[in-house]
Amino acid sequence: MTTAPTGHTAGKAVKSDIIAPTCTKKGSYTLTTSCSVCGETLTKEVIAVEASGHKFKKPVFTWVTSHRKCTAAFTCSECSYSVKIKAAVSSKTIKSAGYTYKGKTRYTASLTFGGKKYTSRVTETDIPMKKLAAPSVSLKNTDSGICVSWKKVKGASAYAVYRNGRLIKRTSSLKFTDKAVKTRDGVSFTYKVVAYTKSLSVNKSASSSKKITRRYNLYPGVDWGSIYGCG
């Protein structure tokens, strides 16, 4: 007695010849189905696998020294591929400068990559201190010496007086009598006054020089100090 064929019984499909996809290249594998009874190959198909695409990590922002330009580097965590993109930079003053301190600027770099927006912010103390105006200087001969006077300069806390380029006095007053030249009749001297804040090395003004010839005891008995406010 002859028994009729029972037909194949498909077993579990088995993967082979696997080629893993990369970020940019397709992969593939062979899917084979065999009969679980006799082992005959029933189907065999090569399946393509799409490239996985880059998986970028958070960007690394790089600012130029002036903070006027910034780039963002995106690096793939899978293959180390990197791409640099120029960011748009904006700035905002968050603290104005004064006569004794610099101001602060906040710089913001922004860009869109892969449908997402990224930003980087840095704050720099880069706004120069306010400049002090140069004092307006007046020179007068008095019985006591040469009276050097000037107008108050906004932001200044003290003044430095120079004679012929040499520093001779620091004062918070608005006048100074150079008594060292009292008896030097007929000699010419050049004076300048520099306004400053905490110290001459922190913030100081420009200066304009004025020249005067000493006249000693030009009018005996006249109190020049009373007349010009210098003693």
C-alpha atoms as a PDB file:
ATOM      1  CA  MET A   1       0.000   0.000   0.000  1.00  0.00           C
ATOM      2  CA  THR A   2       1.394   3.331  -1.055  1.00  0.00           C
ATOM      3  CA  THR A   3       1.228   6.291   1.310  1.00  0.00           C
ATOM      4  CA  ALA A   4       0.536   9.671  -0.269  1.00  0.00           C
ATOM      5  CA  PRO A   5       3.193  12.381   0.181  1.00  0.00           C
ATOM      6  CA  THR A   6       2.559  14.469   3.241  1.00  0.00           C
ATOM      7  CA  GLY A   7       4.079  17.663   1.750  1.00  0.00           C
ATOM      8  CA  HIS A   8       6.823  19.802   3.198  1.00  0.00           C
ATOM      9  CA  THR A   9       6.564  21.376   6.590  1.00  0.00           C
ATOM     10  CA  ALA A  10       8.203  24.776   6.635  1.00  0.00           C
ATOM     11  CA  GLY A  11      10.559  25.282   9.492  1.00  0.00           C
ATOM     12  CA  LYS A  12      11.698  28.539  11.106  1.00  0.00           C
ATOM     13  CA  ALA A  13      13.333  30.986   8.730  1.00  0.00           C
ATOM     14  CA  VAL A  14      17.085  31.333   9.305  1.00  0.00           C
ATOM     15  CA  LYS A  15      19.239  34.396   8.631  1.00  0.00           C
ATOM     16  CA  SER A  16      22.677  33.978   7.065  1.00  0.00           C
ATOM     17  CA  ASP A  17      25.308  35.938   5.144  1.00  0.00           C
ATOM     18  CA  ILE A  18      24.580  38.944   7.324  1.00  0.00           C
ATOM     19  CA  ILE A  19      26.161  42.237   6.224  1.00  0.00           C
ATOM     20  CA  ALA A  20      25.442  44.922   8.797  1.00  0.00           C
ATOM     21  CA  PRO A  21      24.417  48.300   7.458  1.00  0.00           C
ATOM     22  CA  THR A  22      26.542  51.365   8.250  1.00  0.00           C
ATOM     23  CA  CYS A  23      25.569  54.985   8.620  1.00  0.00           C
ATOM     24  CA  THR A  24      25.790  55.524   4.884  1.00  0.00           C
ATOM     25  CA  LYS A  25      25.722  52.060   3.248  1.00  0.00           C
ATOM     26  CA  LYS A  26      22.979  49.478   3.005  1.00  0.00           C
ATOM     27  CA  GLY A  27      23.349  46.042   4.575  1.00  0.00           C
ATOM     28  CA  SER A  28      21.754  42.723   3.723  1.00  0.00           C
ATOM     29  CA  TYR A  29      21.123  39.174   4.856  1.00  0.00           C
ATOM     30  CA  THR A  30      19.878  35.924   3.344  1.00  0.00           C
ATOM     31  CA  LEU A  31      16.636  34.510   4.754  1.00  0.00           C
ATOM     32  CA  THR A  32      16.271  30.768   4.171  1.00  0.00           C
ATOM     33  CA  THR A  33      13.282  28.569   4.958  1.00  0.00           C
ATOM     34  CA  SER A  34      13.754  24.783   4.919  1.00  0.00           C
ATOM     35  CA  CYS A  35      11.494  21.835   5.453  1.00  0.00           C
ATOM     36  CA  SER A  36      11.591  20.736   9.061  1.00  0.00           C
ATOM     37  CA  VAL A  37      11.081  17.110   8.030  1.00  0.00           C
ATOM     38  CA  CYS A  38      13.438  16.542   5.122  1.00  0.00           C
ATOM     39  CA  GLY A  39      15.588  19.658   5.257  1.00  0.00           C
ATOM     40  CA  GLU A  40      14.912  20.682   1.675  1.00  0.00           C
ATOM     41  CA  THR A  41      15.276  24.403   1.007  1.00  0.00           C
ATOM     42  CA  LEU A  42      11.893  25.855   0.370  1.00  0.00           C
ATOM     43  CA  THR A  43      12.672  29.600   0.004  1.00  0.00           C
ATOM     44  CA  LYS A  44      15.832  31.657  -0.117  1.00  0.00           C
ATOM     45  CA  GLU A  45      15.722  35.437  -0.319  1.00  0.00           C
ATOM     46  CA  VAL A  46      18.268  38.210   0.011  1.00  0.00           C
ATOM     47  CA  ILE A  47      16.858  41.023   2.158  1.00  0.00           C
ATOM     48  CA  ALA A  48      18.294  44.535   1.867  1.00  0.00           C
ATOM     49  CA  VAL A  49      18.643  46.646   5.012  1.00  0.00           C
ATOM     50  CA  GLU A  50      18.618  50.424   4.728  1.00  0.00           C
ATOM     51  CA  ALA A  51      21.599  52.456   5.938  1.00  0.00           C
ATOM     52  CA  SER A  52      21.164  53.374   9.587  1.00  0.00           C
ATOM     53  CA  GLY A  53      21.991  57.075   9.142  1.00  0.00           C
ATOM     54  CA  HIS A  54      24.246  59.144  11.361  1.00  0.00           C
ATOM     55  CA  LYS A  55      23.482  59.441  15.063  1.00  0.00           C
ATOM     56  CA  PHE A  56      24.921  62.819  16.006  1.00  0.00           C
ATOM     57  CA  LYS A  57      25.958  63.694  19.520  1.00  0.00           C
ATOM     58  CA  LYS A  58      25.388  67.121  21.048  1.00  0.00           C
ATOM     59  CA  PRO A  59      27.337  69.770  19.133  1.00  0.00           C
ATOM     60  CA  VAL A  60      30.605  71.305  20.272  1.00  0.00           C
ATOM     61  CA  PHE A  61      30.570  75.056  19.777  1.00  0.00           C
ATOM     62  CA  THR A  62      33.780  76.905  18.934  1.00  0.00           C
ATOM     63  CA  TRP A  63      33.922  80.684  19.294  1.00  0.00           C
ATOM     64  CA  VAL A  64      36.512  82.956  17.727  1.00  0.00           C
ATOM     65  CA  THR A  65      38.322  85.276  20.152  1.00  0.00           C
ATOM     66  CA  SER A  66      36.197  88.307  19.320  1.00  0.00           C
ATOM     67  CA  HIS A  67      32.972  86.269  19.750  1.00  0.00           C
ATOM     68  CA  ARG A  68      31.698  87.645  16.469  1.00  0.00           C
ATOM     69  CA  LYS A  69      31.719  84.192  14.850  1.00  0.00           C
ATOM     70  CA  CYS A  70      30.922  80.688  16.053  1.00  0.00           C
ATOM     71  CA  THR A  71      30.770  77.215  14.517  1.00  0.00           C
ATOM     72  CA  ALA A  72      29.158  74.030  15.793  1.00  0.00           C
ATOM     73  CA  ALA A  73      30.669  70.595  15.163  1.00  0.00           C
ATOM     74  CA  PHE A  74      28.297  67.623  15.055  1.00  0.00           C
ATOM     75  CA  THR A  75      30.001  64.216  15.363  1.00  0.00           C
ATOM     76  CA  CYS A  76      28.377  60.843  14.716  1.00  0.00           C
ATOM     77  CA  SER A  77      28.551  58.496  17.696  1.00  0.00           C
ATOM     78  CA  GLU A  78      28.734  55.488  15.381  1.00  0.00           C
ATOM     79  CA  CYS A  79      31.339  56.352  12.748  1.00  0.00           C
ATOM     80  CA  SER A  80      32.953  59.591  14.012  1.00  0.00           C
ATOM     81  CA  TYR A  81      31.884  61.475  10.894  1.00  0.00           C
ATOM     82  CA  SER A  82      31.838  65.193  11.685  1.00  0.00           C
ATOM     83  CA  VAL A  83      30.222  68.206  10.083  1.00  0.00           C
ATOM     84  CA  LYS A  84      30.762  71.867  10.970  1.00  0.00           C
ATOM     85  CA  ILE A  85      28.039  74.446  10.627  1.00  0.00           C
ATOM     86  CA  LYS A  86      28.308  78.207  10.955  1.00  0.00           C
ATOM     87  CA  ALA A  87      25.999  79.594  13.623  1.00  0.00           C
ATOM     88  CA  ALA A  88      24.192  82.925  13.601  1.00  0.00           C
ATOM     89  CA  VAL A  89      25.580  85.166  16.354  1.00  0.00           C
ATOM     90  CA  SER A  90      23.768  87.931  18.220  1.00  0.00           C
ATOM     91  CA  SER A  91      24.968  90.080  21.111  1.00  0.00           C
ATOM     92  CA  LYS A  92      23.387  92.010  23.962  1.00  0.00           C
ATOM     93  CA  THR A  93      24.888  94.363  26.528  1.00  0.00           C
ATOM     94  CA  ILE A  94      23.948  93.062  29.962  1.00  0.00           C
ATOM     95  CA  LYS A  95      26.045  95.517  31.974  1.00  0.00           C
ATOM     96  CA  SER A  96      27.134  98.938  30.782  1.00  0.00           C
ATOM     97  CA  ALA A  97      30.699 100.088  31.397  1.00  0.00           C
ATOM     98  CA  GLY A  98      31.532 102.700  34.018  1.00  0.00           C
ATOM     99  CA  TYR A  99      34.559 104.812  34.802  1.00  0.00           C
ATOM    100  CA  THR A 100      36.028 102.136  37.108  1.00  0.00           C
ATOM    101  CA  TYR A 101      34.830  98.899  35.528  1.00  0.00           C
ATOM    102  CA  LYS A 102      34.281  97.304  32.140  1.00  0.00           C
ATOM    103  CA  GLY A 103      30.876  96.349  30.772  1.00  0.00           C
ATOM    104  CA  LYS A 104      29.612  92.865  29.954  1.00  0.00           C
ATOM    105  CA  THR A 105      28.255  91.439  26.705  1.00  0.00           C
ATOM    106  CA  ARG A 106      26.288  88.227  26.252  1.00  0.00           C
ATOM    107  CA  TYR A 107      26.839  86.502  22.912  1.00  0.00           C
ATOM    108  CA  THR A 108      24.343  83.922  21.620  1.00  0.00           C
ATOM    109  CA  ALA A 109      25.064  81.487  18.780  1.00  0.00           C
ATOM    110  CA  SER A 110      22.101  79.639  17.291  1.00  0.00           C
ATOM    111  CA  LEU A 111      21.476  77.208  14.440  1.00  0.00           C
ATOM    112  CA  THR A 112      19.082  74.515  13.296  1.00  0.00           C
ATOM    113  CA  PHE A 113      20.364  71.048  12.423  1.00  0.00           C
ATOM    114  CA  GLY A 114      18.387  67.895  11.800  1.00  0.00           C
ATOM    115  CA  GLY A 115      15.173  69.718  12.599  1.00  0.00           C
ATOM    116  CA  LYS A 116      16.401  70.757  16.057  1.00  0.00           C
ATOM    117  CA  LYS A 117      17.528  74.149  17.297  1.00  0.00           C
ATOM    118  CA  TYR A 118      20.803  74.467  19.195  1.00  0.00           C
ATOM    119  CA  THR A 119      22.209  77.463  21.075  1.00  0.00           C
ATOM    120  CA  SER A 120      25.384  78.408  22.904  1.00  0.00           C
ATOM    121  CA  ARG A 121      25.835  81.469  25.133  1.00  0.00           C
ATOM    122  CA  VAL A 122      28.961  83.110  26.497  1.00  0.00           C
ATOM    123  CA  THR A 123      29.366  86.236  28.603  1.00  0.00           C
ATOM    124  CA  GLU A 124      32.445  88.403  28.269  1.00  0.00           C
ATOM    125  CA  THR A 125      33.669  91.481  30.137  1.00  0.00           C
ATOM    126  CA  ASP A 126      34.725  93.217  26.954  1.00  0.00           C
ATOM    127  CA  ILE A 127      33.207  96.693  26.914  1.00  0.00           C
ATOM    128  CA  PRO A 128      35.965  99.267  27.619  1.00  0.00           C
ATOM    129  CA  MET A 129      35.634 101.566  30.581  1.00  0.00           C
ATOM    130  CA  LYS A 130      34.202 105.007  29.919  1.00  0.00           C
ATOM    131  CA  LYS A 131      36.860 107.494  28.926  1.00  0.00           C
ATOM    132  CA  LEU A 132      37.564 110.396  31.212  1.00  0.00           C
ATOM    133  CA  ALA A 133      37.566 113.800  29.585  1.00  0.00           C
ATOM    134  CA  ALA A 134      40.828 115.735  29.530  1.00  0.00           C
ATOM    135  CA  PRO A 135      40.857 118.450  32.222  1.00  0.00           C
ATOM    136  CA  SER A 136      40.638 122.057  31.046  1.00  0.00           C
ATOM    137  CA  VAL A 137      43.719 123.649  32.642  1.00  0.00           C
ATOM    138  CA  SER A 138      44.422 127.272  33.571  1.00  0.00           C
ATOM    139  CA  LEU A 139      47.797 128.687  34.746  1.00  0.00           C
ATOM    140  CA  LYS A 140      48.378 131.832  36.787  1.00  0.00           C
ATOM    141  CA  ASN A 141      51.383 133.467  38.426  1.00  0.00           C
ATOM    142  CA  THR A 142      50.934 134.179  42.139  1.00  0.00           C
ATOM    143  CA  ASP A 143      53.271 135.371  44.899  1.00  0.00           C
ATOM    144  CA  SER A 144      53.424 131.773  46.180  1.00  0.00           C
ATOM    145  CA  GLY A 145      54.234 130.138  42.848  1.00  0.00           C
ATOM    146  CA  ILE A 146      52.346 129.065  39.765  1.00  0.00           C
ATOM    147  CA  CYS A 147      48.685 128.289  40.374  1.00  0.00           C
ATOM    148  CA  VAL A 148      47.440 125.348  38.297  1.00  0.00           C
ATOM    149  CA  SER A 149      43.645 124.973  38.246  1.00  0.00           C
ATOM    150  CA  TRP A 150      41.170 122.909  36.241  1.00  0.00           C
ATOM    151  CA  LYS A 151      37.512 122.072  35.910  1.00  0.00           C
ATOM    152  CA  LYS A 152      35.995 118.979  37.495  1.00  0.00           C
ATOM    153  CA  VAL A 153      35.986 115.904  35.249  1.00  0.00           C
ATOM    154  CA  LYS A 154      32.972 113.603  35.433  1.00  0.00           C
ATOM    155  CA  GLY A 155      33.904 110.187  36.840  1.00  0.00           C
ATOM    156  CA  ALA A 156      37.330 111.271  38.125  1.00  0.00           C
ATOM    157  CA  SER A 157      38.255 110.806  41.775  1.00  0.00           C
ATOM    158  CA  ALA A 158      41.686 112.435  41.670  1.00  0.00           C
ATOM    159  CA  TYR A 159      44.087 114.349  39.454  1.00  0.00           C
ATOM    160  CA  ALA A 160      47.782 114.122  38.676  1.00  0.00           C
ATOM    161  CA  VAL A 161      49.734 117.332  38.015  1.00  0.00           C
ATOM    162  CA  TYR A 162      52.868 117.242  35.857  1.00  0.00           C
ATOM    163  CA  ARG A 163      55.538 119.897  35.396  1.00  0.00           C
ATOM    164  CA  ASN A 164      57.764 119.471  32.338  1.00  0.00           C
ATOM    165  CA  GLY A 165      56.640 115.836  32.107  1.00  0.00           C
ATOM    166  CA  ARG A 166      57.376 115.000  35.759  1.00  0.00           C
ATOM    167  CA  LEU A 167      54.618 114.042  38.201  1.00  0.00           C
ATOM    168  CA  ILE A 168      54.671 116.571  41.047  1.00  0.00           C
ATOM    169  CA  LYS A 169      51.275 116.206  42.726  1.00  0.00           C
ATOM    170  CA  ARG A 170      48.314 113.891  43.178  1.00  0.00           C
ATOM    171  CA  THR A 171      45.211 115.565  44.564  1.00  0.00           C
ATOM    172  CA  SER A 172      41.440 115.360  44.717  1.00  0.00           C
ATOM    173  CA  SER A 173      41.245 119.153  44.667  1.00  0.00           C
ATOM    174  CA  LEU A 174      40.693 121.253  41.551  1.00  0.00           C
ATOM    175  CA  LYS A 175      43.768 123.443  42.028  1.00  0.00           C
ATOM    176  CA  PHE A 176      47.372 123.243  43.084  1.00  0.00           C
ATOM    177  CA  THR A 177      50.054 125.885  43.612  1.00  0.00           C
ATOM    178  CA  ASP A 178      53.516 124.828  42.542  1.00  0.00           C
ATOM    179  CA  LYS A 179      55.577 126.565  45.226  1.00  0.00           C
ATOM    180  CA  ALA A 180      58.776 124.865  44.094  1.00  0.00           C
ATOM    181  CA  VAL A 181      59.105 127.369  41.249  1.00  0.00           C
ATOM    182  CA  LYS A 182      58.310 130.436  43.375  1.00  0.00           C
ATOM    183  CA  THR A 183      61.647 132.221  42.900  1.00  0.00           C
ATOM    184  CA  ARG A 184      62.462 131.045  39.381  1.00  0.00           C
ATOM    185  CA  ASP A 185      61.605 134.310  37.677  1.00  0.00           C
ATOM    186  CA  GLY A 186      61.748 134.293  33.872  1.00  0.00           C
ATOM    187  CA  VAL A 187      61.828 130.494  33.555  1.00  0.00           C
ATOM    188  CA  SER A 188      59.166 128.822  31.418  1.00  0.00           C
ATOM    189  CA  PHE A 189      57.332 125.704  32.592  1.00  0.00           C
ATOM    190  CA  THR A 190      54.894 123.346  30.896  1.00  0.00           C
ATOM    191  CA  TYR A 191      52.072 121.876  32.994  1.00  0.00           C
ATOM    192  CA  LYS A 192      49.500 119.221  32.324  1.00  0.00           C
ATOM    193  CA  VAL A 193      46.792 117.613  34.465  1.00  0.00           C
ATOM    194  CA  VAL A 194      45.579 114.030  34.099  1.00  0.00           C
ATOM    195  CA  ALA A 195      42.263 112.916  35.629  1.00  0.00           C
ATOM    196  CA  TYR A 196      42.032 109.358  36.919  1.00  0.00           C
ATOM    197  CA  THR A 197      39.808 107.016  38.913  1.00  0.00           C
ATOM    198  CA  LYS A 198      41.198 104.490  41.392  1.00  0.00           C
ATOM    199  CA  SER A 199      44.726 104.793  40.106  1.00  0.00           C
ATOM    200  CA  LEU A 200      46.588 106.009  37.064  1.00  0.00           C
ATOM    201  CA  SER A 201      46.898 102.411  35.884  1.00  0.00           C
ATOM    202  CA  VAL A 202      43.132 101.734  35.983  1.00  0.00           C
ATOM    203  CA  ASN A 203      41.618 104.589  34.005  1.00  0.00           C
ATOM    204  CA  LYS A 204      43.141 107.933  33.163  1.00  0.00           C
ATOM    205  CA  SER A 205      42.258 110.755  30.836  1.00  0.00           C
ATOM    206  CA  ALA A 206      44.179 112.322  28.034  1.00  0.00           C
ATOM    207  CA  SER A 207      45.764 115.674  28.753  1.00  0.00           C
ATOM    208  CA  SER A 208      46.576 118.954  27.070  1.00  0.00           C
ATOM    209  CA  SER A 209      49.694 120.888  28.015  1.00  0.00           C
ATOM    210  CA  LYS A 210      49.964 124.597  28.763  1.00  0.00           C
ATOM    211  CA  LYS A 211      53.076 126.686  29.067  1.00  0.00           C
ATOM    212  CA  ILE A 212      53.738 129.669  31.318  1.00  0.00           C
ATOM    213  CA  THR A 213      56.726 131.858  32.166  1.00  0.00           C
ATOM    214  CA  ARG A 214      57.266 132.454  35.881  1.00  0.00           C
ATOM    215  CA  ARG A 215      56.909 136.047  37.019  1.00  0.00           C
ATOM    216  CA  TYR A 216      58.004 136.411  40.607  1.00  0.00           C
ATOM    217  CA  ASN A 217      57.050 139.422  42.713  1.00  0.00           C
ATOM    218  CA  LEU A 218      55.785 141.185  39.648  1.00  0.00           C
ATOM    219  CA  TYR A 219      53.649 143.501  41.771  1.00  0.00           C
ATOM    220  CA  PRO A 220      54.995 143.648  45.333  1.00  0.00           C
ATOM    221  CA  GLY A 221      52.293 143.766  47.959  1.00  0.00           C
ATOM    222  CA  VAL A 222      49.565 142.304  45.726  1.00  0.00           C
ATOM    223  CA  ASP A 223      48.024 139.158  47.227  1.00  0.00           C
ATOM    224  CA  TRP A 224      47.720 136.938  44.130  1.00  0.00           C
ATOM    225  CA  GLY A 225      46.427 134.096  46.253  1.00  0.00           C
ATOM    226  CA  SER A 226      43.352 136.048  47.250  1.00  0.00           C
ATOM    227  CA  ILE A 227      42.711 137.168  43.702  1.00  0.00           C
ATOM    228  CA  TYR A 228      42.986 133.749  41.998  1.00  0.00           C
ATOM    229  CA  GLY A 229      41.919 131.511  44.852  1.00  0.00           C
ATOM    230  CA  CYS A 230      45.336 129.864  45.188  1.00  0.00           C
ATOM    231  CA  GLY A 231      47.519 130.042  48.263  1.00  0.00           C
END
